[in-house]
Structure formats: structure tokens, C-alpha cells
Amino acid sequence: MIDYKITDEFGYNKDYSYLDSLIKRVLKHENVKNATLSIVFVDNEKIREINKNYRGKDSITDVISFAFEDNGILVYNKIRFLGEIYVCIPRMIEQANNYGHSEARELAFLVCHGLLHLLGYDHMEKEDEKVMFTLQEKMLDEDEKTRKERS
């Protein structure tokens, strides 16, 4: 059982149901069968506040993840509690425009990126970055909806 909740605090009134297949594909690839997580869409001010309070960086960013399993796998009633992903919708839209692809592709990228962080992937070292980014692209390219389409 994969359970997740998307809370749209921003008011992103577009169809993002395609994220379901992406989330399930990533978790299946990582052999995660019973898990829960949350995704929250926020504005610039909220992501800046989170970034400042938790990372000490007073700036807007695109995605922040809080892995509940940083100190080991957290399981309750055989369900893993992975954590929370915060996506800044205005930054996502800006990046989609700058990169010349759809909002769907950018949102899927950010959710995938955040989810991989929840699962323990990181990109602080060059070798780790290559592994994580290769996996991100693989997961995204398997999805017709987000396959590098143009806006």
C-alpha cells in the first residue's frame, strides 16, 4: 500500500494526477511496498520561511524534503513513514519556462527529486549526484505525460 497526500496551499488549479504513477514507479523501483508521505504545494514566502528556519538559508528554493527516516527506517504497523516534500509552485513555473518544458515535466521532476531525497539519495558529492540524477531522468522518461514535453 502506497499512501500519500498532496496539500495544495498555493492554489495550483491544474491537473497533477499524473504524479500518482510517478510516485508509485519510484517507490516500486526502490522496492518500497508500504509507505506514506506528504507533498505540499506552497508559495515563495512559505518556502523561503521553511528554507530559513530549517536550513539557515534566507532564500527561495524549488523543493525541500524532510526525511523522517534520517536516523533509520521508521515503521509503524508495517508502514514506512517517509516524510514531507514541499514544492514551491511559483519557482516551479518559472523554471519550466526557463528550461523550455512543460509545468508537468518540472513538477514531476521536483516531486521525483524530493521523493528520492526521502529515500536517502543525495547529490552533495559528484558521484552521488550522477546516481541520483540518472535515476530521476529514468523515472521521468518512462512517463509519457512528463517526457520532456514543451509548454
N, C-alpha and C. Protein backbone atom coordinates (compact mmCIF):
# COMPACT_ATOMS: atom_id res chain seq x y z
N MET A 1 0.82 -1.17 0.00
CA MET A 1 0.00 0.00 0.00
C MET A 1 0.88 1.25 0.00
N ILE A 2 0.67 2.09 -0.97
CA ILE A 2 1.35 3.38 -1.04
C ILE A 2 0.28 4.44 -0.76
N ASP A 3 0.55 5.24 0.25
CA ASP A 3 -0.40 6.28 0.62
C ASP A 3 0.32 7.62 0.65
N TYR A 4 -0.24 8.58 -0.03
CA TYR A 4 0.34 9.92 0.01
C TYR A 4 -0.79 10.93 -0.09
N LYS A 5 -0.49 12.11 0.39
CA LYS A 5 -1.46 13.19 0.33
C LYS A 5 -0.79 14.41 -0.27
N ILE A 6 -1.47 15.04 -1.21
CA ILE A 6 -1.00 16.31 -1.77
C ILE A 6 -1.88 17.41 -1.21
N THR A 7 -1.26 18.34 -0.52
CA THR A 7 -1.96 19.50 0.02
C THR A 7 -1.56 20.71 -0.80
N ASP A 8 -2.53 21.32 -1.44
CA ASP A 8 -2.26 22.46 -2.32
C ASP A 8 -2.54 23.76 -1.59
N GLU A 9 -1.57 24.24 -0.83
CA GLU A 9 -1.71 25.51 -0.13
C GLU A 9 -1.59 26.70 -1.08
N PHE A 10 -1.03 26.47 -2.25
CA PHE A 10 -0.81 27.54 -3.21
C PHE A 10 -2.06 27.87 -4.03
N GLY A 11 -2.81 26.84 -4.39
CA GLY A 11 -3.96 27.02 -5.28
C GLY A 11 -3.57 26.76 -6.73
N TYR A 12 -2.79 25.70 -6.94
CA TYR A 12 -2.35 25.32 -8.28
C TYR A 12 -3.48 24.55 -8.94
N ASN A 13 -4.34 25.22 -9.61
CA ASN A 13 -5.56 24.63 -10.15
C ASN A 13 -5.36 23.98 -11.50
N LYS A 14 -4.44 23.05 -11.55
CA LYS A 14 -4.20 22.29 -12.77
C LYS A 14 -4.21 20.80 -12.41
N ASP A 15 -4.37 19.98 -13.40
CA ASP A 15 -4.37 18.53 -13.18
C ASP A 15 -2.95 18.05 -12.89
N TYR A 16 -2.75 17.47 -11.74
CA TYR A 16 -1.45 16.87 -11.42
C TYR A 16 -1.62 15.41 -11.00
N SER A 17 -2.70 14.80 -11.49
CA SER A 17 -2.97 13.39 -11.18
C SER A 17 -1.89 12.47 -11.74
N TYR A 18 -1.15 12.91 -12.75
CA TYR A 18 -0.07 12.11 -13.33
C TYR A 18 1.04 11.83 -12.31
N LEU A 19 1.08 12.59 -11.23
CA LEU A 19 2.10 12.35 -10.21
C LEU A 19 1.92 10.99 -9.54
N ASP A 20 0.69 10.49 -9.55
CA ASP A 20 0.40 9.19 -8.93
C ASP A 20 1.28 8.09 -9.53
N SER A 21 1.30 7.99 -10.84
CA SER A 21 2.09 6.93 -11.48
C SER A 21 3.58 7.13 -11.24
N LEU A 22 4.03 8.37 -11.21
CA LEU A 22 5.44 8.65 -10.95
C LEU A 22 5.84 8.23 -9.54
N ILE A 23 5.05 8.62 -8.56
CA ILE A 23 5.35 8.26 -7.16
C ILE A 23 5.39 6.76 -7.00
N LYS A 24 4.41 6.08 -7.55
CA LYS A 24 4.36 4.62 -7.43
C LYS A 24 5.52 3.96 -8.17
N ARG A 25 5.90 4.50 -9.33
CA ARG A 25 7.02 3.95 -10.10
C ARG A 25 8.34 4.08 -9.33
N VAL A 26 8.57 5.25 -8.73
CA VAL A 26 9.80 5.46 -7.95
C VAL A 26 9.84 4.50 -6.77
N LEU A 27 8.75 4.41 -6.04
CA LEU A 27 8.72 3.53 -4.87
C LEU A 27 8.86 2.07 -5.26
N LYS A 28 8.26 1.67 -6.37
CA LYS A 28 8.42 0.29 -6.84
C LYS A 28 9.88 0.03 -7.22
N HIS A 29 10.49 0.97 -7.91
CA HIS A 29 11.90 0.83 -8.28
C HIS A 29 12.78 0.64 -7.05
N GLU A 30 12.42 1.30 -5.97
CA GLU A 30 13.20 1.23 -4.73
C GLU A 30 12.71 0.13 -3.78
N ASN A 31 11.81 -0.72 -4.28
CA ASN A 31 11.26 -1.84 -3.51
C ASN A 31 10.58 -1.41 -2.21
N VAL A 32 9.91 -0.28 -2.26
CA VAL A 32 9.14 0.21 -1.12
C VAL A 32 7.69 -0.17 -1.37
N LYS A 33 7.14 -1.02 -0.50
CA LYS A 33 5.80 -1.54 -0.73
C LYS A 33 4.73 -0.90 0.14
N ASN A 34 5.06 -0.58 1.37
CA ASN A 34 4.10 0.01 2.30
C ASN A 34 4.69 1.29 2.84
N ALA A 35 4.19 2.41 2.34
CA ALA A 35 4.77 3.69 2.75
C ALA A 35 3.75 4.80 2.67
N THR A 36 4.02 5.85 3.42
CA THR A 36 3.20 7.05 3.37
C THR A 36 4.12 8.26 3.34
N LEU A 37 3.65 9.32 2.68
CA LEU A 37 4.39 10.57 2.59
C LEU A 37 3.40 11.68 2.29
N SER A 38 3.86 12.91 2.44
CA SER A 38 3.01 14.03 2.07
C SER A 38 3.77 15.00 1.18
N ILE A 39 3.01 15.65 0.31
CA ILE A 39 3.54 16.65 -0.61
C ILE A 39 2.71 17.91 -0.42
N VAL A 40 3.39 19.04 -0.27
CA VAL A 40 2.69 20.29 -0.05
C VAL A 40 3.15 21.30 -1.09
N PHE A 41 2.18 21.89 -1.80
CA PHE A 41 2.47 22.95 -2.75
C PHE A 41 2.38 24.28 -2.01
N VAL A 42 3.43 25.08 -2.10
CA VAL A 42 3.48 26.35 -1.35
C VAL A 42 3.91 27.49 -2.26
N ASP A 43 3.84 28.71 -1.71
CA ASP A 43 4.25 29.90 -2.44
C ASP A 43 5.69 30.29 -2.06
N ASN A 44 6.17 31.36 -2.66
CA ASN A 44 7.54 31.82 -2.42
C ASN A 44 7.81 32.13 -0.95
N GLU A 45 6.89 32.81 -0.31
CA GLU A 45 7.09 33.21 1.08
C GLU A 45 7.22 32.00 2.00
N LYS A 46 6.36 31.02 1.80
CA LYS A 46 6.38 29.82 2.66
C LYS A 46 7.66 29.03 2.47
N ILE A 47 8.10 28.84 1.23
CA ILE A 47 9.32 28.06 1.01
C ILE A 47 10.54 28.81 1.54
N ARG A 48 10.53 30.13 1.43
CA ARG A 48 11.62 30.93 1.98
C ARG A 48 11.68 30.78 3.51
N GLU A 49 10.51 30.83 4.14
CA GLU A 49 10.42 30.67 5.59
C GLU A 49 10.95 29.29 6.02
N ILE A 50 10.52 28.26 5.32
CA ILE A 50 10.97 26.89 5.63
C ILE A 50 12.48 26.79 5.43
N ASN A 51 12.96 27.30 4.32
CA ASN A 51 14.39 27.26 4.00
C ASN A 51 15.21 27.98 5.07
N LYS A 52 14.72 29.11 5.51
CA LYS A 52 15.43 29.90 6.53
C LYS A 52 15.41 29.19 7.88
N ASN A 53 14.24 28.71 8.29
CA ASN A 53 14.11 28.09 9.60
C ASN A 53 14.82 26.75 9.73
N TYR A 54 14.82 25.96 8.67
CA TYR A 54 15.35 24.60 8.77
C TYR A 54 16.72 24.40 8.12
N ARG A 55 17.07 25.29 7.19
CA ARG A 55 18.36 25.13 6.52
C ARG A 55 19.27 26.33 6.73
N GLY A 56 18.75 27.38 7.37
CA GLY A 56 19.54 28.57 7.63
C GLY A 56 19.83 29.40 6.39
N LYS A 57 19.01 29.20 5.34
CA LYS A 57 19.20 29.92 4.08
C LYS A 57 17.98 30.80 3.82
N ASP A 58 18.18 32.11 3.83
CA ASP A 58 17.09 33.06 3.63
C ASP A 58 16.91 33.31 2.14
N SER A 59 16.40 32.29 1.45
CA SER A 59 16.20 32.39 0.01
C SER A 59 15.08 31.44 -0.42
N ILE A 60 14.55 31.74 -1.61
CA ILE A 60 13.52 30.89 -2.20
C ILE A 60 14.21 29.74 -2.91
N THR A 61 13.67 28.54 -2.75
CA THR A 61 14.17 27.37 -3.44
C THR A 61 12.99 26.65 -4.08
N ASP A 62 13.27 25.65 -4.89
CA ASP A 62 12.19 24.98 -5.61
C ASP A 62 11.54 23.83 -4.84
N VAL A 63 12.34 23.07 -4.09
CA VAL A 63 11.81 21.91 -3.37
C VAL A 63 12.65 21.67 -2.12
N ILE A 64 11.97 21.30 -1.05
CA ILE A 64 12.64 20.92 0.20
C ILE A 64 11.99 19.64 0.68
N SER A 65 12.82 18.70 1.11
CA SER A 65 12.32 17.43 1.63
C SER A 65 12.74 17.27 3.08
N PHE A 66 11.84 16.70 3.86
CA PHE A 66 12.13 16.36 5.25
C PHE A 66 11.95 14.85 5.40
N ALA A 67 13.05 14.14 5.41
CA ALA A 67 13.01 12.68 5.53
C ALA A 67 12.81 12.29 6.99
N PHE A 68 11.75 11.58 7.27
CA PHE A 68 11.51 11.12 8.63
C PHE A 68 12.46 9.98 8.99
N GLU A 69 13.07 9.36 8.01
CA GLU A 69 13.92 8.20 8.23
C GLU A 69 15.41 8.54 8.29
N ASP A 70 15.75 9.77 8.56
CA ASP A 70 17.17 10.15 8.58
C ASP A 70 18.01 9.30 9.53
N ASN A 71 17.42 8.80 10.58
CA ASN A 71 18.16 8.00 11.57
C ASN A 71 17.74 6.54 11.55
N GLY A 72 17.31 6.06 10.42
CA GLY A 72 16.88 4.68 10.29
C GLY A 72 15.46 4.62 9.76
N ILE A 73 15.05 3.46 9.34
CA ILE A 73 13.72 3.28 8.76
C ILE A 73 12.68 3.37 9.86
N LEU A 74 11.70 4.24 9.66
CA LEU A 74 10.64 4.47 10.62
C LEU A 74 9.40 3.71 10.16
N VAL A 75 9.00 2.69 10.94
CA VAL A 75 7.88 1.83 10.57
C VAL A 75 6.88 1.78 11.72
N TYR A 76 5.61 1.91 11.36
CA TYR A 76 4.52 1.75 12.33
C TYR A 76 3.44 0.93 11.65
N ASN A 77 3.05 -0.18 12.27
CA ASN A 77 2.06 -1.09 11.67
C ASN A 77 2.47 -1.50 10.26
N LYS A 78 3.75 -1.75 10.08
CA LYS A 78 4.33 -2.21 8.81
C LYS A 78 4.27 -1.17 7.69
N ILE A 79 4.06 0.09 8.04
CA ILE A 79 4.03 1.18 7.06
C ILE A 79 5.21 2.10 7.33
N ARG A 80 5.99 2.37 6.30
CA ARG A 80 7.11 3.30 6.42
C ARG A 80 6.61 4.73 6.32
N PHE A 81 7.09 5.57 7.21
CA PHE A 81 6.77 6.99 7.16
C PHE A 81 7.97 7.70 6.56
N LEU A 82 7.84 8.05 5.28
CA LEU A 82 8.98 8.59 4.54
C LEU A 82 9.26 10.05 4.85
N GLY A 83 8.22 10.89 4.91
CA GLY A 83 8.45 12.30 5.21
C GLY A 83 7.57 13.22 4.41
N GLU A 84 8.06 14.46 4.26
CA GLU A 84 7.30 15.52 3.60
C GLU A 84 8.14 16.17 2.51
N ILE A 85 7.46 16.53 1.43
CA ILE A 85 8.09 17.26 0.32
C ILE A 85 7.32 18.56 0.14
N TYR A 86 8.04 19.68 0.13
CA TYR A 86 7.45 20.99 -0.12
C TYR A 86 7.92 21.46 -1.49
N VAL A 87 6.97 21.78 -2.36
CA VAL A 87 7.27 22.26 -3.71
C VAL A 87 6.78 23.69 -3.84
N CYS A 88 7.67 24.58 -4.25
CA CYS A 88 7.33 25.98 -4.47
C CYS A 88 6.78 26.12 -5.90
N ILE A 89 5.48 26.32 -6.00
CA ILE A 89 4.83 26.37 -7.30
C ILE A 89 5.29 27.55 -8.16
N PRO A 90 5.40 28.77 -7.62
CA PRO A 90 5.89 29.86 -8.48
C PRO A 90 7.30 29.59 -9.03
N ARG A 91 8.18 29.01 -8.23
CA ARG A 91 9.53 28.68 -8.70
C ARG A 91 9.46 27.57 -9.74
N MET A 92 8.58 26.61 -9.53
CA MET A 92 8.42 25.52 -10.50
C MET A 92 7.98 26.07 -11.85
N ILE A 93 7.02 26.99 -11.85
CA ILE A 93 6.53 27.58 -13.10
C ILE A 93 7.64 28.37 -13.78
N GLU A 94 8.37 29.14 -13.00
CA GLU A 94 9.49 29.92 -13.54
C GLU A 94 10.55 29.01 -14.18
N GLN A 95 10.88 27.94 -13.50
CA GLN A 95 11.89 27.01 -14.02
C GLN A 95 11.40 26.31 -15.28
N ALA A 96 10.13 25.93 -15.32
CA ALA A 96 9.58 25.29 -16.52
C ALA A 96 9.74 26.23 -17.71
N ASN A 97 9.42 27.50 -17.50
CA ASN A 97 9.58 28.49 -18.58
C ASN A 97 11.04 28.67 -18.97
N ASN A 98 11.91 28.76 -17.98
CA ASN A 98 13.34 28.95 -18.26
C ASN A 98 13.96 27.76 -18.99
N TYR A 99 13.53 26.55 -18.64
CA TYR A 99 14.09 25.34 -19.25
C TYR A 99 13.39 24.97 -20.55
N GLY A 100 12.28 25.65 -20.85
CA GLY A 100 11.58 25.40 -22.11
C GLY A 100 10.81 24.11 -22.14
N HIS A 101 10.35 23.65 -20.99
CA HIS A 101 9.49 22.47 -20.99
C HIS A 101 8.23 22.73 -20.17
N SER A 102 7.37 21.75 -20.12
CA SER A 102 6.05 21.94 -19.51
C SER A 102 6.12 22.03 -17.99
N GLU A 103 5.08 22.62 -17.42
CA GLU A 103 4.96 22.63 -15.97
C GLU A 103 4.83 21.20 -15.45
N ALA A 104 4.17 20.34 -16.20
CA ALA A 104 4.02 18.95 -15.78
C ALA A 104 5.39 18.29 -15.63
N ARG A 105 6.26 18.53 -16.59
CA ARG A 105 7.61 17.95 -16.52
C ARG A 105 8.36 18.49 -15.31
N GLU A 106 8.29 19.79 -15.08
CA GLU A 106 9.03 20.39 -13.97
C GLU A 106 8.47 19.95 -12.62
N LEU A 107 7.15 19.91 -12.50
CA LEU A 107 6.56 19.47 -11.25
C LEU A 107 6.90 18.01 -10.97
N ALA A 108 6.84 17.19 -12.00
CA ALA A 108 7.21 15.78 -11.84
C ALA A 108 8.67 15.66 -11.44
N PHE A 109 9.54 16.44 -12.04
CA PHE A 109 10.96 16.43 -11.70
C PHE A 109 11.15 16.77 -10.22
N LEU A 110 10.50 17.83 -9.75
CA LEU A 110 10.68 18.27 -8.37
C LEU A 110 10.13 17.25 -7.38
N VAL A 111 8.98 16.65 -7.69
CA VAL A 111 8.42 15.63 -6.81
C VAL A 111 9.33 14.40 -6.80
N CYS A 112 9.81 13.99 -7.95
CA CYS A 112 10.73 12.85 -8.03
C CYS A 112 12.01 13.15 -7.24
N HIS A 113 12.55 14.33 -7.42
CA HIS A 113 13.77 14.75 -6.73
C HIS A 113 13.55 14.71 -5.21
N GLY A 114 12.44 15.28 -4.77
CA GLY A 114 12.13 15.29 -3.34
C GLY A 114 11.93 13.89 -2.79
N LEU A 115 11.25 13.05 -3.56
CA LEU A 115 11.00 11.68 -3.13
C LEU A 115 12.30 10.90 -3.01
N LEU A 116 13.20 11.08 -3.95
CA LEU A 116 14.49 10.39 -3.86
C LEU A 116 15.27 10.84 -2.63
N HIS A 117 15.17 12.11 -2.27
CA HIS A 117 15.78 12.57 -1.02
C HIS A 117 15.17 11.85 0.18
N LEU A 118 13.85 11.69 0.18
CA LEU A 118 13.20 10.98 1.28
C LEU A 118 13.70 9.55 1.39
N LEU A 119 14.10 8.99 0.27
CA LEU A 119 14.57 7.60 0.23
C LEU A 119 16.08 7.48 0.48
N GLY A 120 16.73 8.61 0.77
CA GLY A 120 18.13 8.57 1.15
C GLY A 120 19.12 8.98 0.08
N TYR A 121 18.64 9.33 -1.09
CA TYR A 121 19.55 9.79 -2.15
C TYR A 121 19.98 11.22 -1.86
N ASP A 122 21.18 11.55 -2.31
CA ASP A 122 21.69 12.90 -2.13
C ASP A 122 22.56 13.25 -3.32
N HIS A 123 22.93 14.52 -3.41
CA HIS A 123 23.76 14.97 -4.53
C HIS A 123 24.85 15.92 -4.06
N MET A 124 25.34 15.68 -2.85
CA MET A 124 26.41 16.53 -2.32
C MET A 124 27.75 16.21 -2.98
N GLU A 125 27.98 14.95 -3.25
CA GLU A 125 29.20 14.51 -3.92
C GLU A 125 28.89 14.24 -5.39
N LYS A 126 29.86 14.48 -6.25
CA LYS A 126 29.67 14.33 -7.70
C LYS A 126 29.16 12.93 -8.07
N GLU A 127 29.72 11.91 -7.47
CA GLU A 127 29.33 10.53 -7.79
C GLU A 127 27.87 10.27 -7.37
N ASP A 128 27.50 10.76 -6.18
CA ASP A 128 26.13 10.61 -5.70
C ASP A 128 25.15 11.37 -6.59
N GLU A 129 25.57 12.56 -7.03
CA GLU A 129 24.74 13.37 -7.91
C GLU A 129 24.45 12.63 -9.21
N LYS A 130 25.47 12.01 -9.76
CA LYS A 130 25.29 11.27 -11.02
C LYS A 130 24.28 10.13 -10.85
N VAL A 131 24.38 9.40 -9.75
CA VAL A 131 23.46 8.30 -9.48
C VAL A 131 22.03 8.82 -9.34
N MET A 132 21.87 9.86 -8.52
CA MET A 132 20.53 10.40 -8.28
C MET A 132 19.91 11.00 -9.53
N PHE A 133 20.66 11.81 -10.26
CA PHE A 133 20.12 12.47 -11.43
C PHE A 133 19.84 11.49 -12.56
N THR A 134 20.63 10.45 -12.69
CA THR A 134 20.38 9.41 -13.69
C THR A 134 19.07 8.69 -13.38
N LEU A 135 18.87 8.37 -12.11
CA LEU A 135 17.64 7.71 -11.71
C LEU A 135 16.43 8.62 -11.92
N GLN A 136 16.56 9.90 -11.59
CA GLN A 136 15.47 10.86 -11.83
C GLN A 136 15.06 10.86 -13.28
N GLU A 137 16.01 10.98 -14.16
CA GLU A 137 15.71 11.03 -15.60
C GLU A 137 15.08 9.73 -16.07
N LYS A 138 15.55 8.62 -15.56
CA LYS A 138 14.97 7.32 -15.93
C LYS A 138 13.51 7.26 -15.52
N MET A 139 13.20 7.66 -14.30
CA MET A 139 11.83 7.63 -13.81
C MET A 139 10.93 8.57 -14.61
N LEU A 140 11.43 9.74 -14.93
CA LEU A 140 10.64 10.72 -15.67
C LEU A 140 10.45 10.32 -17.13
N ASP A 141 11.48 9.77 -17.73
CA ASP A 141 11.40 9.40 -19.15
C ASP A 141 10.49 8.21 -19.40
N GLU A 142 10.18 7.45 -18.36
CA GLU A 142 9.27 6.32 -18.50
C GLU A 142 7.81 6.76 -18.53
N ASP A 143 7.56 8.03 -18.30
CA ASP A 143 6.20 8.55 -18.23
C ASP A 143 5.89 9.41 -19.44
N GLU A 144 4.91 9.02 -20.22
CA GLU A 144 4.51 9.77 -21.43
C GLU A 144 4.15 11.21 -21.10
N LYS A 145 3.46 11.43 -19.99
CA LYS A 145 2.97 12.77 -19.65
C LYS A 145 4.11 13.75 -19.42
N THR A 146 5.19 13.28 -18.85
CA THR A 146 6.27 14.20 -18.46
C THR A 146 7.52 14.09 -19.33
N ARG A 147 7.44 13.33 -20.39
CA ARG A 147 8.61 13.08 -21.23
C ARG A 147 9.03 14.36 -21.95
N LYS A 148 9.85 15.16 -21.33
CA LYS A 148 10.47 16.36 -21.90
C LYS A 148 9.59 17.11 -22.88
N GLU A 149 8.32 17.17 -22.58
CA GLU A 149 7.42 17.89 -23.48
C GLU A 149 7.59 19.40 -23.33
N ARG A 150 7.27 20.09 -24.34
CA ARG A 150 7.36 21.56 -24.36
C ARG A 150 6.06 22.16 -23.84
N SER A 151 6.17 23.35 -23.32
CA SER A 151 4.97 24.06 -22.82
C SER A 151 4.05 24.41 -23.98
